[in-house]
Amino acid sequence: MTASTVVQKYLMGDYPASRDELVDRARRQGADQAIVSLVRNLQVERFTSAADVERALGEEH
């Protein structure tokens, strides 16, 4: 699954958002534990846009 797919499927919503808010959002959207862990382990603590999340996910992998 690409970073863009993760964002589009599980992390769409209002920004800015904290990493914890994104973890909660992913859970509410039905993300499996691997996706939730991926988001939880991001080094950035606050995201201003979905593009910021995509960049952070891309840098992690």
PDB file of N, CA and C in Angstrom:
ATOM      1  N   MET A   1       0.853  -1.167   0.000  1.00  0.00           N
ATOM      2  CA  MET A   1       0.000   0.000   0.000  1.00  0.00           C
ATOM      3  C   MET A   1       0.903   1.237   0.000  1.00  0.00           C
ATOM      4  N   THR A   2       0.629   2.175  -0.874  1.00  0.00           N
ATOM      5  CA  THR A   2       1.450   3.383  -0.963  1.00  0.00           C
ATOM      6  C   THR A   2       1.025   4.405   0.095  1.00  0.00           C
ATOM      7  N   ALA A   3       1.885   5.376   0.333  1.00  0.00           N
ATOM      8  CA  ALA A   3       1.575   6.434   1.292  1.00  0.00           C
ATOM      9  C   ALA A   3       0.305   7.169   0.871  1.00  0.00           C
ATOM     10  N   SER A   4       0.163   7.428  -0.402  1.00  0.00           N
ATOM     11  CA  SER A   4      -1.018   8.122  -0.905  1.00  0.00           C
ATOM     12  C   SER A   4      -2.287   7.320  -0.643  1.00  0.00           C
ATOM     13  N   THR A   5      -2.221   6.006  -0.829  1.00  0.00           N
ATOM     14  CA  THR A   5      -3.378   5.150  -0.589  1.00  0.00           C
ATOM     15  C   THR A   5      -3.766   5.166   0.880  1.00  0.00           C
ATOM     16  N   VAL A   6      -2.773   5.100   1.761  1.00  0.00           N
ATOM     17  CA  VAL A   6      -3.051   5.130   3.202  1.00  0.00           C
ATOM     18  C   VAL A   6      -3.755   6.430   3.564  1.00  0.00           C
ATOM     19  N   VAL A   7      -3.231   7.550   3.065  1.00  0.00           N
ATOM     20  CA  VAL A   7      -3.826   8.850   3.363  1.00  0.00           C
ATOM     21  C   VAL A   7      -5.243   8.919   2.821  1.00  0.00           C
ATOM     22  N   GLN A   8      -5.444   8.524   1.585  1.00  0.00           N
ATOM     23  CA  GLN A   8      -6.762   8.615   0.972  1.00  0.00           C
ATOM     24  C   GLN A   8      -7.777   7.700   1.643  1.00  0.00           C
ATOM     25  N   LYS A   9      -7.350   6.519   2.038  1.00  0.00           N
ATOM     26  CA  LYS A   9      -8.291   5.549   2.589  1.00  0.00           C
ATOM     27  C   LYS A   9      -8.566   5.753   4.076  1.00  0.00           C
ATOM     28  N   TYR A  10      -7.541   6.081   4.855  1.00  0.00           N
ATOM     29  CA  TYR A  10      -7.694   6.090   6.305  1.00  0.00           C
ATOM     30  C   TYR A  10      -7.494   7.436   6.987  1.00  0.00           C
ATOM     31  N   LEU A  11      -6.877   8.391   6.325  1.00  0.00           N
ATOM     32  CA  LEU A  11      -6.486   9.617   7.016  1.00  0.00           C
ATOM     33  C   LEU A  11      -7.099  10.881   6.452  1.00  0.00           C
ATOM     34  N   MET A  12      -8.055  10.753   5.563  1.00  0.00           N
ATOM     35  CA  MET A  12      -8.711  11.944   5.023  1.00  0.00           C
ATOM     36  C   MET A  12      -9.526  12.613   6.127  1.00  0.00           C
ATOM     37  N   GLY A  13      -9.519  13.916   6.116  1.00  0.00           N
ATOM     38  CA  GLY A  13     -10.259  14.669   7.120  1.00  0.00           C
ATOM     39  C   GLY A  13      -9.667  16.052   7.269  1.00  0.00           C
ATOM     40  N   ASP A  14      -9.973  16.665   8.390  1.00  0.00           N
ATOM     41  CA  ASP A  14      -9.526  18.030   8.634  1.00  0.00           C
ATOM     42  C   ASP A  14      -8.072  18.073   9.082  1.00  0.00           C
ATOM     43  N   TYR A  15      -7.376  19.058   8.591  1.00  0.00           N
ATOM     44  CA  TYR A  15      -6.000  19.356   8.986  1.00  0.00           C
ATOM     45  C   TYR A  15      -5.954  20.820   9.371  1.00  0.00           C
ATOM     46  N   PRO A  16      -5.060  21.221  10.265  1.00  0.00           N
ATOM     47  CA  PRO A  16      -3.970  20.455  10.839  1.00  0.00           C
ATOM     48  C   PRO A  16      -4.480  19.374  11.789  1.00  0.00           C
ATOM     49  N   ALA A  17      -3.627  18.370  11.980  1.00  0.00           N
ATOM     50  CA  ALA A  17      -3.957  17.257  12.866  1.00  0.00           C
ATOM     51  C   ALA A  17      -2.682  16.735  13.514  1.00  0.00           C
ATOM     52  N   SER A  18      -2.820  16.299  14.742  1.00  0.00           N
ATOM     53  CA  SER A  18      -1.675  15.713  15.429  1.00  0.00           C
ATOM     54  C   SER A  18      -1.536  14.248  15.026  1.00  0.00           C
ATOM     55  N   ARG A  19      -0.397  13.685  15.319  1.00  0.00           N
ATOM     56  CA  ARG A  19      -0.173  12.263  15.049  1.00  0.00           C
ATOM     57  C   ARG A  19      -1.214  11.426  15.801  1.00  0.00           C
ATOM     58  N   ASP A  20      -1.502  11.781  17.056  1.00  0.00           N
ATOM     59  CA  ASP A  20      -2.495  11.034  17.830  1.00  0.00           C
ATOM     60  C   ASP A  20      -3.885  11.126  17.203  1.00  0.00           C
ATOM     61  N   GLU A  21      -4.231  12.288  16.692  1.00  0.00           N
ATOM     62  CA  GLU A  21      -5.521  12.438  16.013  1.00  0.00           C
ATOM     63  C   GLU A  21      -5.576  11.556  14.771  1.00  0.00           C
ATOM     64  N   LEU A  22      -4.466  11.460  14.065  1.00  0.00           N
ATOM     65  CA  LEU A  22      -4.426  10.612  12.872  1.00  0.00           C
ATOM     66  C   LEU A  22      -4.518   9.134  13.229  1.00  0.00           C
ATOM     67  N   VAL A  23      -3.906   8.746  14.333  1.00  0.00           N
ATOM     68  CA  VAL A  23      -4.030   7.359  14.796  1.00  0.00           C
ATOM     69  C   VAL A  23      -5.501   7.049  15.088  1.00  0.00           C
ATOM     70  N   ASP A  24      -6.172   7.946  15.797  1.00  0.00           N
ATOM     71  CA  ASP A  24      -7.600   7.753  16.089  1.00  0.00           C
ATOM     72  C   ASP A  24      -8.422   7.711  14.807  1.00  0.00           C
ATOM     73  N   ARG A  25      -8.103   8.588  13.873  1.00  0.00           N
ATOM     74  CA  ARG A  25      -8.820   8.637  12.597  1.00  0.00           C
ATOM     75  C   ARG A  25      -8.650   7.320  11.834  1.00  0.00           C
ATOM     76  N   ALA A  26      -7.428   6.815  11.803  1.00  0.00           N
ATOM     77  CA  ALA A  26      -7.170   5.554  11.107  1.00  0.00           C
ATOM     78  C   ALA A  26      -7.976   4.422  11.731  1.00  0.00           C
ATOM     79  N   ARG A  27      -8.004   4.372  13.048  1.00  0.00           N
ATOM     80  CA  ARG A  27      -8.791   3.327  13.733  1.00  0.00           C
ATOM     81  C   ARG A  27     -10.278   3.435  13.387  1.00  0.00           C
ATOM     82  N   ARG A  28     -10.810   4.653  13.426  1.00  0.00           N
ATOM     83  CA  ARG A  28     -12.229   4.849  13.111  1.00  0.00           C
ATOM     84  C   ARG A  28     -12.555   4.439  11.678  1.00  0.00           C
ATOM     85  N   GLN A  29     -11.585   4.583  10.780  1.00  0.00           N
ATOM     86  CA  GLN A  29     -11.793   4.242   9.374  1.00  0.00           C
ATOM     87  C   GLN A  29     -11.535   2.759   9.088  1.00  0.00           C
ATOM     88  N   GLY A  30     -11.200   1.982  10.129  1.00  0.00           N
ATOM     89  CA  GLY A  30     -11.040   0.546   9.951  1.00  0.00           C
ATOM     90  C   GLY A  30      -9.654   0.084   9.538  1.00  0.00           C
ATOM     91  N   ALA A  31      -8.650   0.915   9.775  1.00  0.00           N
ATOM     92  CA  ALA A  31      -7.282   0.515   9.421  1.00  0.00           C
ATOM     93  C   ALA A  31      -6.844  -0.664  10.285  1.00  0.00           C
ATOM     94  N   ASP A  32      -6.081  -1.562   9.692  1.00  0.00           N
ATOM     95  CA  ASP A  32      -5.574  -2.693  10.469  1.00  0.00           C
ATOM     96  C   ASP A  32      -4.427  -2.216  11.369  1.00  0.00           C
ATOM     97  N   GLN A  33      -3.988  -3.100  12.255  1.00  0.00           N
ATOM     98  CA  GLN A  33      -2.973  -2.730  13.242  1.00  0.00           C
ATOM     99  C   GLN A  33      -1.665  -2.284  12.595  1.00  0.00           C
ATOM    100  N   ALA A  34      -1.309  -2.850  11.459  1.00  0.00           N
ATOM    101  CA  ALA A  34      -0.066  -2.458  10.783  1.00  0.00           C
ATOM    102  C   ALA A  34      -0.118  -0.991  10.359  1.00  0.00           C
ATOM    103  N   ILE A  35      -1.247  -0.550   9.824  1.00  0.00           N
ATOM    104  CA  ILE A  35      -1.396   0.848   9.404  1.00  0.00           C
ATOM    105  C   ILE A  35      -1.398   1.763  10.620  1.00  0.00           C
ATOM    106  N   VAL A  36      -2.131   1.372  11.663  1.00  0.00           N
ATOM    107  CA  VAL A  36      -2.186   2.183  12.883  1.00  0.00           C
ATOM    108  C   VAL A  36      -0.779   2.340  13.463  1.00  0.00           C
ATOM    109  N   SER A  37      -0.021   1.270  13.509  1.00  0.00           N
ATOM    110  CA  SER A  37       1.351   1.322  14.025  1.00  0.00           C
ATOM    111  C   SER A  37       2.236   2.203  13.155  1.00  0.00           C
ATOM    112  N   LEU A  38       2.063   2.123  11.856  1.00  0.00           N
ATOM    113  CA  LEU A  38       2.834   2.947  10.937  1.00  0.00           C
ATOM    114  C   LEU A  38       2.610   4.429  11.226  1.00  0.00           C
ATOM    115  N   VAL A  39       1.360   4.807  11.400  1.00  0.00           N
ATOM    116  CA  VAL A  39       1.036   6.207  11.686  1.00  0.00           C
ATOM    117  C   VAL A  39       1.548   6.586  13.072  1.00  0.00           C
ATOM    118  N   ARG A  40       1.362   5.735  14.056  1.00  0.00           N
ATOM    119  CA  ARG A  40       1.798   6.007  15.425  1.00  0.00           C
ATOM    120  C   ARG A  40       3.314   6.232  15.495  1.00  0.00           C
ATOM    121  N   ASN A  41       4.064   5.563  14.643  1.00  0.00           N
ATOM    122  CA  ASN A  41       5.521   5.646  14.685  1.00  0.00           C
ATOM    123  C   ASN A  41       6.124   6.750  13.818  1.00  0.00           C
ATOM    124  N   LEU A  42       5.297   7.563  13.189  1.00  0.00           N
ATOM    125  CA  LEU A  42       5.819   8.677  12.402  1.00  0.00           C
ATOM    126  C   LEU A  42       6.593   9.629  13.306  1.00  0.00           C
ATOM    127  N   GLN A  43       7.668  10.193  12.784  1.00  0.00           N
ATOM    128  CA  GLN A  43       8.524  11.087  13.563  1.00  0.00           C
ATOM    129  C   GLN A  43       7.933  12.485  13.728  1.00  0.00           C
ATOM    130  N   VAL A  44       7.031  12.872  12.853  1.00  0.00           N
ATOM    131  CA  VAL A  44       6.412  14.195  12.906  1.00  0.00           C
ATOM    132  C   VAL A  44       5.234  14.136  13.876  1.00  0.00           C
ATOM    133  N   GLU A  45       5.059  15.179  14.680  1.00  0.00           N
ATOM    134  CA  GLU A  45       3.982  15.184  15.667  1.00  0.00           C
ATOM    135  C   GLU A  45       2.750  15.955  15.218  1.00  0.00           C
ATOM    136  N   ARG A  46       2.885  16.840  14.237  1.00  0.00           N
ATOM    137  CA  ARG A  46       1.741  17.642  13.772  1.00  0.00           C
ATOM    138  C   ARG A  46       1.840  17.797  12.262  1.00  0.00           C
ATOM    139  N   PHE A  47       0.707  17.660  11.609  1.00  0.00           N
ATOM    140  CA  PHE A  47       0.642  17.710  10.146  1.00  0.00           C
ATOM    141  C   PHE A  47      -0.313  18.822   9.734  1.00  0.00           C
ATOM    142  N   THR A  48       0.110  19.621   8.758  1.00  0.00           N
ATOM    143  CA  THR A  48      -0.737  20.725   8.303  1.00  0.00           C
ATOM    144  C   THR A  48      -1.623  20.336   7.125  1.00  0.00           C
ATOM    145  N   SER A  49      -1.292  19.207   6.477  1.00  0.00           N
ATOM    146  CA  SER A  49      -2.077  18.784   5.314  1.00  0.00           C
ATOM    147  C   SER A  49      -1.886  17.290   5.063  1.00  0.00           C
ATOM    148  N   ALA A  50      -2.722  16.745   4.212  1.00  0.00           N
ATOM    149  CA  ALA A  50      -2.581  15.343   3.815  1.00  0.00           C
ATOM    150  C   ALA A  50      -1.241  15.133   3.097  1.00  0.00           C
ATOM    151  N   ALA A  51      -0.782  16.142   2.369  1.00  0.00           N
ATOM    152  CA  ALA A  51       0.511  16.037   1.681  1.00  0.00           C
ATOM    153  C   ALA A  51       1.653  15.884   2.685  1.00  0.00           C
ATOM    154  N   ASP A  52       1.558  16.547   3.840  1.00  0.00           N
ATOM    155  CA  ASP A  52       2.570  16.382   4.891  1.00  0.00           C
ATOM    156  C   ASP A  52       2.617  14.936   5.371  1.00  0.00           C
ATOM    157  N   VAL A  53       1.451  14.337   5.527  1.00  0.00           N
ATOM    158  CA  VAL A  53       1.384  12.941   5.975  1.00  0.00           C
ATOM    159  C   VAL A  53       2.002  12.034   4.917  1.00  0.00           C
ATOM    160  N   GLU A  54       1.668  12.253   3.664  1.00  0.00           N
ATOM    161  CA  GLU A  54       2.232  11.445   2.582  1.00  0.00           C
ATOM    162  C   GLU A  54       3.744  11.528   2.574  1.00  0.00           C
ATOM    163  N   ARG A  55       4.284  12.746   2.742  1.00  0.00           N
ATOM    164  CA  ARG A  55       5.740  12.911   2.781  1.00  0.00           C
ATOM    165  C   ARG A  55       6.340  12.138   3.944  1.00  0.00           C
ATOM    166  N   ALA A  56       5.745  12.253   5.121  1.00  0.00           N
ATOM    167  CA  ALA A  56       6.277  11.566   6.303  1.00  0.00           C
ATOM    168  C   ALA A  56       6.214  10.060   6.124  1.00  0.00           C
ATOM    169  N   LEU A  57       5.127   9.554   5.564  1.00  0.00           N
ATOM    170  CA  LEU A  57       5.011   8.114   5.322  1.00  0.00           C
ATOM    171  C   LEU A  57       6.046   7.664   4.301  1.00  0.00           C
ATOM    172  N   GLY A  58       6.256   8.474   3.284  1.00  0.00           N
ATOM    173  CA  GLY A  58       7.247   8.145   2.265  1.00  0.00           C
ATOM    174  C   GLY A  58       8.656   8.117   2.817  1.00  0.00           C
ATOM    175  N   GLU A  59       8.953   9.024   3.747  1.00  0.00           N
ATOM    176  CA  GLU A  59      10.281   9.069   4.346  1.00  0.00           C
ATOM    177  C   GLU A  59      10.506   7.878   5.275  1.00  0.00           C
ATOM    178  N   GLU A  60       9.450   7.349   5.854  1.00  0.00           N
ATOM    179  CA  GLU A  60       9.572   6.207   6.755  1.00  0.00           C
ATOM    180  C   GLU A  60       9.890   4.930   5.976  1.00  0.00           C
ATOM    181  N   HIS A  61       9.466   4.872   4.715  1.00  0.00           N
ATOM    182  CA  HIS A  61       9.696   3.640   3.944  1.00  0.00           C
ATOM    183  C   HIS A  61      10.326   3.944   2.643  1.00  0.00           C
TER     184      HIS A  61
END
